[in-house]
Amino acid sequence: MLVDRIGPVCGLIDCELAKLALFADHQGAVTDARVEELVGGWRTQTVWNLADAIAEGKIDEALRNIDKLIMAGQSIFGIAAQLSWSLRRYGTAARIVEQTERAGQRPVLQQALERAGFRPYELAKAEQRLRRIGRARARELLSWLLELELQLKGSHSQEDRGRLALETLLFRLADLGTPSAAASSTRNAR
């Protein structure tokens, strides 16, 4: 069913499987009806666009994509699962860079990105996006994604609170309102 709905794209299939895992019953089964409900062509593409917008710091575009998905009936939990898969690779790359440095070696960012799961054709954009995210935020990204997951399974398990948790992550990655971002925008305005 996955291949029929989204095509034979391994990355999309992997992402959809991760999303479906959140909706499996206690025995790990997912019904055909649930697959039809949760797996969709344009919705999947919109979540990819959302991940790209977040990684590029385009908050307004990311918020519009979240609205579009929610209005189409997509669950915030499904959005978060798919988004986490994509963003986790940036956090993993940052950890690989730090491990390489701790081992006394000079890290090669493209190699770290490839080891983190980016495909060769994605490396140039992924490198730009990781540099935009910045070292400090990239270092925290895996912790933030874990925090989001725990919130969605606990204190933010209702759709509206789940959206708040997801948007909090989005703003952390955008780095709005930090002293360095404010100082930078002040310098640019002069």
C-alpha atoms as a PDB file:
ATOM      1  CA  MET A   1       0.000   0.000   0.000  1.00  0.00           C
ATOM      2  CA  LEU A   2       2.833   2.392   0.786  1.00  0.00           C
ATOM      3  CA  VAL A   3       4.447   1.942  -2.613  1.00  0.00           C
ATOM      4  CA  ASP A   4       1.080   2.395  -4.324  1.00  0.00           C
ATOM      5  CA  ARG A   5       0.388   5.629  -2.446  1.00  0.00           C
ATOM      6  CA  ILE A   6       3.798   7.333  -2.486  1.00  0.00           C
ATOM      7  CA  GLY A   7       5.911   5.438  -5.005  1.00  0.00           C
ATOM      8  CA  PRO A   8       9.089   3.378  -4.677  1.00  0.00           C
ATOM      9  CA  VAL A   9      11.125   6.037  -2.868  1.00  0.00           C
ATOM     10  CA  CYS A  10      13.006   4.434   0.020  1.00  0.00           C
ATOM     11  CA  GLY A  11      13.337   7.660   2.038  1.00  0.00           C
ATOM     12  CA  LEU A  12       9.600   8.354   1.834  1.00  0.00           C
ATOM     13  CA  ILE A  13       8.740   4.747   2.661  1.00  0.00           C
ATOM     14  CA  ASP A  14      11.066   4.865   5.679  1.00  0.00           C
ATOM     15  CA  CYS A  15       9.498   8.101   6.851  1.00  0.00           C
ATOM     16  CA  GLU A  16       5.958   6.809   6.378  1.00  0.00           C
ATOM     17  CA  LEU A  17       6.809   3.615   8.274  1.00  0.00           C
ATOM     18  CA  ALA A  18       8.109   5.725  11.166  1.00  0.00           C
ATOM     19  CA  LYS A  19       4.880   7.709  11.157  1.00  0.00           C
ATOM     20  CA  LEU A  20       2.731   4.559  11.005  1.00  0.00           C
ATOM     21  CA  ALA A  21       4.662   3.055  13.914  1.00  0.00           C
ATOM     22  CA  LEU A  22       3.178   5.770  16.133  1.00  0.00           C
ATOM     23  CA  PHE A  23      -0.303   4.511  15.286  1.00  0.00           C
ATOM     24  CA  ALA A  24       0.316   0.774  15.616  1.00  0.00           C
ATOM     25  CA  ASP A  25      -1.778  -1.173  18.094  1.00  0.00           C
ATOM     26  CA  HIS A  26      -0.245  -2.971  21.078  1.00  0.00           C
ATOM     27  CA  GLN A  27       0.761  -5.890  18.810  1.00  0.00           C
ATOM     28  CA  GLY A  28       2.438  -3.601  16.266  1.00  0.00           C
ATOM     29  CA  ALA A  29      -0.295  -3.941  13.623  1.00  0.00           C
ATOM     30  CA  VAL A  30      -1.520  -1.089  11.439  1.00  0.00           C
ATOM     31  CA  THR A  31      -4.806  -1.501   9.571  1.00  0.00           C
ATOM     32  CA  ASP A  32      -5.259  -0.772   5.863  1.00  0.00           C
ATOM     33  CA  ALA A  33      -7.741   1.960   6.792  1.00  0.00           C
ATOM     34  CA  ARG A  34      -5.100   3.636   8.969  1.00  0.00           C
ATOM     35  CA  VAL A  35      -2.575   3.521   6.110  1.00  0.00           C
ATOM     36  CA  GLU A  36      -5.132   5.135   3.784  1.00  0.00           C
ATOM     37  CA  GLU A  37      -5.840   7.802   6.395  1.00  0.00           C
ATOM     38  CA  LEU A  38      -2.228   8.658   7.233  1.00  0.00           C
ATOM     39  CA  VAL A  39      -0.235   8.116   4.060  1.00  0.00           C
ATOM     40  CA  GLY A  40      -0.829  10.591   1.300  1.00  0.00           C
ATOM     41  CA  GLY A  41       0.983  11.918  -1.718  1.00  0.00           C
ATOM     42  CA  TRP A  42       0.611  15.724  -1.477  1.00  0.00           C
ATOM     43  CA  ARG A  43       0.601  15.606   2.314  1.00  0.00           C
ATOM     44  CA  THR A  44       3.910  13.767   2.309  1.00  0.00           C
ATOM     45  CA  GLN A  45       5.361  16.323  -0.090  1.00  0.00           C
ATOM     46  CA  THR A  46       4.072  19.153   2.105  1.00  0.00           C
ATOM     47  CA  VAL A  47       5.804  17.696   5.175  1.00  0.00           C
ATOM     48  CA  TRP A  48       9.046  17.476   3.162  1.00  0.00           C
ATOM     49  CA  ASN A  49       8.555  21.143   2.239  1.00  0.00           C
ATOM     50  CA  LEU A  50       7.926  21.873   5.917  1.00  0.00           C
ATOM     51  CA  ALA A  51      11.190  20.174   6.910  1.00  0.00           C
ATOM     52  CA  ASP A  52      13.074  22.137   4.255  1.00  0.00           C
ATOM     53  CA  ALA A  53      11.503  25.422   5.375  1.00  0.00           C
ATOM     54  CA  ILE A  54      12.432  24.761   9.008  1.00  0.00           C
ATOM     55  CA  ALA A  55      16.012  23.844   8.106  1.00  0.00           C
ATOM     56  CA  GLU A  56      16.258  27.029   6.046  1.00  0.00           C
ATOM     57  CA  GLY A  57      14.798  29.193   8.832  1.00  0.00           C
ATOM     58  CA  LYS A  58      11.666  30.136   6.862  1.00  0.00           C
ATOM     59  CA  ILE A  59       9.255  30.294   9.773  1.00  0.00           C
ATOM     60  CA  ASP A  60       6.338  31.864   7.906  1.00  0.00           C
ATOM     61  CA  GLU A  61       6.445  29.162   5.221  1.00  0.00           C
ATOM     62  CA  ALA A  62       6.742  26.416   7.848  1.00  0.00           C
ATOM     63  CA  LEU A  63       3.729  27.736   9.771  1.00  0.00           C
ATOM     64  CA  ARG A  64       1.669  27.923   6.556  1.00  0.00           C
ATOM     65  CA  ASN A  65       2.566  24.302   5.767  1.00  0.00           C
ATOM     66  CA  ILE A  66       1.559  23.200   9.270  1.00  0.00           C
ATOM     67  CA  ASP A  67      -1.784  24.991   8.851  1.00  0.00           C
ATOM     68  CA  LYS A  68      -2.329  23.415   5.429  1.00  0.00           C
ATOM     69  CA  LEU A  69      -1.648  19.924   6.750  1.00  0.00           C
ATOM     70  CA  ILE A  70      -3.857  20.340   9.815  1.00  0.00           C
ATOM     71  CA  MET A  71      -6.730  21.774   7.734  1.00  0.00           C
ATOM     72  CA  ALA A  72      -6.440  18.714   5.472  1.00  0.00           C
ATOM     73  CA  GLY A  73      -6.950  16.481   8.500  1.00  0.00           C
ATOM     74  CA  GLN A  74      -3.341  15.476   9.129  1.00  0.00           C
ATOM     75  CA  SER A  75      -2.567  14.711  12.759  1.00  0.00           C
ATOM     76  CA  ILE A  76       0.082  16.823  14.476  1.00  0.00           C
ATOM     77  CA  PHE A  77       1.597  13.553  15.680  1.00  0.00           C
ATOM     78  CA  GLY A  78       2.030  12.270  12.139  1.00  0.00           C
ATOM     79  CA  ILE A  79       3.536  15.573  11.058  1.00  0.00           C
ATOM     80  CA  ALA A  80       5.949  15.502  13.987  1.00  0.00           C
ATOM     81  CA  ALA A  81       7.019  11.911  13.288  1.00  0.00           C
ATOM     82  CA  GLN A  82       7.840  12.589   9.668  1.00  0.00           C
ATOM     83  CA  LEU A  83       9.496  15.891  10.489  1.00  0.00           C
ATOM     84  CA  SER A  84      11.598  14.323  13.232  1.00  0.00           C
ATOM     85  CA  TRP A  85      12.973  11.740  10.829  1.00  0.00           C
ATOM     86  CA  SER A  86      14.165  14.474   8.510  1.00  0.00           C
ATOM     87  CA  LEU A  87      15.582  16.805  11.178  1.00  0.00           C
ATOM     88  CA  ARG A  88      17.235  13.991  13.127  1.00  0.00           C
ATOM     89  CA  ARG A  89      19.792  13.643  10.328  1.00  0.00           C
ATOM     90  CA  TYR A  90      21.066  17.201  10.964  1.00  0.00           C
ATOM     91  CA  GLY A  91      21.490  16.490  14.667  1.00  0.00           C
ATOM     92  CA  THR A  92      23.228  13.215  13.895  1.00  0.00           C
ATOM     93  CA  ALA A  93      25.639  14.966  11.522  1.00  0.00           C
ATOM     94  CA  ALA A  94      26.465  17.508  14.233  1.00  0.00           C
ATOM     95  CA  ARG A  95      27.213  14.682  16.682  1.00  0.00           C
ATOM     96  CA  ILE A  96      29.455  12.964  14.115  1.00  0.00           C
ATOM     97  CA  VAL A  97      31.407  16.204  13.647  1.00  0.00           C
ATOM     98  CA  GLU A  98      31.878  16.556  17.405  1.00  0.00           C
ATOM     99  CA  GLN A  99      32.954  12.916  17.800  1.00  0.00           C
ATOM    100  CA  THR A 100      35.468  13.338  14.989  1.00  0.00           C
ATOM    101  CA  GLU A 101      36.898  16.461  16.653  1.00  0.00           C
ATOM    102  CA  ARG A 102      37.111  14.730  20.044  1.00  0.00           C
ATOM    103  CA  ALA A 103      39.081  11.951  18.353  1.00  0.00           C
ATOM    104  CA  GLY A 104      41.615  14.603  17.293  1.00  0.00           C
ATOM    105  CA  GLN A 105      40.681  14.473  13.632  1.00  0.00           C
ATOM    106  CA  ARG A 106      39.522  17.202  11.308  1.00  0.00           C
ATOM    107  CA  PRO A 107      35.866  16.608  10.393  1.00  0.00           C
ATOM    108  CA  VAL A 108      34.658  16.772   6.802  1.00  0.00           C
ATOM    109  CA  LEU A 109      31.096  18.063   6.923  1.00  0.00           C
ATOM    110  CA  GLN A 110      29.936  16.315   3.758  1.00  0.00           C
ATOM    111  CA  GLN A 111      31.187  12.979   5.090  1.00  0.00           C
ATOM    112  CA  ALA A 112      29.353  13.579   8.374  1.00  0.00           C
ATOM    113  CA  LEU A 113      26.159  14.413   6.474  1.00  0.00           C
ATOM    114  CA  GLU A 114      26.462  11.292   4.359  1.00  0.00           C
ATOM    115  CA  ARG A 115      27.018   9.131   7.453  1.00  0.00           C
ATOM    116  CA  ALA A 116      23.942  10.776   9.004  1.00  0.00           C
ATOM    117  CA  GLY A 117      21.774   9.519   6.149  1.00  0.00           C
ATOM    118  CA  PHE A 118      21.785  12.214   3.499  1.00  0.00           C
ATOM    119  CA  ARG A 119      22.059  10.945  -0.055  1.00  0.00           C
ATOM    120  CA  PRO A 120      24.805  12.233  -2.348  1.00  0.00           C
ATOM    121  CA  TYR A 121      22.402  14.464  -4.301  1.00  0.00           C
ATOM    122  CA  GLU A 122      21.212  16.061  -1.020  1.00  0.00           C
ATOM    123  CA  LEU A 123      24.647  16.902   0.388  1.00  0.00           C
ATOM    124  CA  ALA A 124      25.084  20.436  -0.966  1.00  0.00           C
ATOM    125  CA  LYS A 125      21.704  21.649   0.313  1.00  0.00           C
ATOM    126  CA  ALA A 126      22.088  19.753   3.580  1.00  0.00           C
ATOM    127  CA  GLU A 127      25.463  21.402   4.189  1.00  0.00           C
ATOM    128  CA  GLN A 128      23.995  24.883   3.605  1.00  0.00           C
ATOM    129  CA  ARG A 129      21.074  24.130   5.889  1.00  0.00           C
ATOM    130  CA  LEU A 130      23.247  22.701   8.652  1.00  0.00           C
ATOM    131  CA  ARG A 131      25.495  25.766   8.526  1.00  0.00           C
ATOM    132  CA  ARG A 132      22.382  27.975   8.771  1.00  0.00           C
ATOM    133  CA  ILE A 133      21.101  26.000  11.755  1.00  0.00           C
ATOM    134  CA  GLY A 134      24.472  26.587  13.377  1.00  0.00           C
ATOM    135  CA  ARG A 135      26.654  24.470  15.592  1.00  0.00           C
ATOM    136  CA  ALA A 136      25.002  25.294  18.919  1.00  0.00           C
ATOM    137  CA  ARG A 137      21.452  24.545  17.754  1.00  0.00           C
ATOM    138  CA  ALA A 138      22.508  21.490  15.727  1.00  0.00           C
ATOM    139  CA  ARG A 139      24.217  20.122  18.846  1.00  0.00           C
ATOM    140  CA  GLU A 140      20.905  20.435  20.749  1.00  0.00           C
ATOM    141  CA  LEU A 141      18.675  19.167  17.945  1.00  0.00           C
ATOM    142  CA  LEU A 142      18.563  15.498  18.981  1.00  0.00           C
ATOM    143  CA  SER A 143      17.688  16.491  22.549  1.00  0.00           C
ATOM    144  CA  TRP A 144      14.975  18.840  21.295  1.00  0.00           C
ATOM    145  CA  LEU A 145      13.493  16.099  19.106  1.00  0.00           C
ATOM    146  CA  LEU A 146      13.473  13.702  22.042  1.00  0.00           C
ATOM    147  CA  GLU A 147      11.812  16.363  24.184  1.00  0.00           C
ATOM    148  CA  LEU A 148       9.171  16.869  21.479  1.00  0.00           C
ATOM    149  CA  GLU A 149       8.498  13.130  21.303  1.00  0.00           C
ATOM    150  CA  LEU A 150       8.138  12.864  25.076  1.00  0.00           C
ATOM    151  CA  GLN A 151       5.827  15.874  25.160  1.00  0.00           C
ATOM    152  CA  LEU A 152       3.635  14.427  22.408  1.00  0.00           C
ATOM    153  CA  LYS A 153       3.352  11.188  24.362  1.00  0.00           C
ATOM    154  CA  GLY A 154       2.675  12.951  27.653  1.00  0.00           C
ATOM    155  CA  SER A 155       1.876  16.536  28.559  1.00  0.00           C
ATOM    156  CA  HIS A 156       1.142  17.602  24.958  1.00  0.00           C
ATOM    157  CA  SER A 157      -0.824  14.558  23.794  1.00  0.00           C
ATOM    158  CA  GLN A 158      -3.813  16.612  22.626  1.00  0.00           C
ATOM    159  CA  GLU A 159      -3.706  18.094  19.116  1.00  0.00           C
ATOM    160  CA  ASP A 160      -3.633  21.765  20.185  1.00  0.00           C
ATOM    161  CA  ARG A 161      -0.921  21.241  22.797  1.00  0.00           C
ATOM    162  CA  GLY A 162       0.965  19.021  20.360  1.00  0.00           C
ATOM    163  CA  ARG A 163       0.954  21.839  17.852  1.00  0.00           C
ATOM    164  CA  LEU A 164       2.371  24.171  20.491  1.00  0.00           C
ATOM    165  CA  ALA A 165       5.205  21.712  21.183  1.00  0.00           C
ATOM    166  CA  LEU A 166       5.970  21.386  17.464  1.00  0.00           C
ATOM    167  CA  GLU A 167       5.946  25.145  16.943  1.00  0.00           C
ATOM    168  CA  THR A 168       8.262  25.579  19.930  1.00  0.00           C
ATOM    169  CA  LEU A 169      10.779  23.334  18.191  1.00  0.00           C
ATOM    170  CA  LEU A 170      10.321  25.315  15.004  1.00  0.00           C
ATOM    171  CA  PHE A 171      11.129  28.606  16.746  1.00  0.00           C
ATOM    172  CA  ARG A 172      14.145  27.082  18.498  1.00  0.00           C
ATOM    173  CA  LEU A 173      15.560  26.137  15.121  1.00  0.00           C
ATOM    174  CA  ALA A 174      14.738  29.539  13.676  1.00  0.00           C
ATOM    175  CA  ASP A 175      16.762  31.125  16.469  1.00  0.00           C
ATOM    176  CA  LEU A 176      14.453  34.137  16.667  1.00  0.00           C
ATOM    177  CA  GLY A 177      14.782  36.456  19.562  1.00  0.00           C
ATOM    178  CA  THR A 178      18.199  35.347  20.765  1.00  0.00           C
ATOM    179  CA  PRO A 179      20.670  38.115  21.628  1.00  0.00           C
ATOM    180  CA  SER A 180      22.979  37.165  18.754  1.00  0.00           C
ATOM    181  CA  ALA A 181      20.105  37.120  16.242  1.00  0.00           C
ATOM    182  CA  ALA A 182      18.806  40.443  17.548  1.00  0.00           C
ATOM    183  CA  ALA A 183      22.255  42.000  17.394  1.00  0.00           C
ATOM    184  CA  SER A 184      22.736  40.683  13.882  1.00  0.00           C
ATOM    185  CA  SER A 185      19.432  42.113  12.665  1.00  0.00           C
ATOM    186  CA  THR A 186      20.263  45.449  14.360  1.00  0.00           C
ATOM    187  CA  ARG A 187      23.637  45.574  12.601  1.00  0.00           C
ATOM    188  CA  ASN A 188      21.998  44.716   9.290  1.00  0.00           C
ATOM    189  CA  ALA A 189      19.410  47.462   9.758  1.00  0.00           C
ATOM    190  CA  ARG A 190      22.132  50.089  10.179  1.00  0.00           C
END
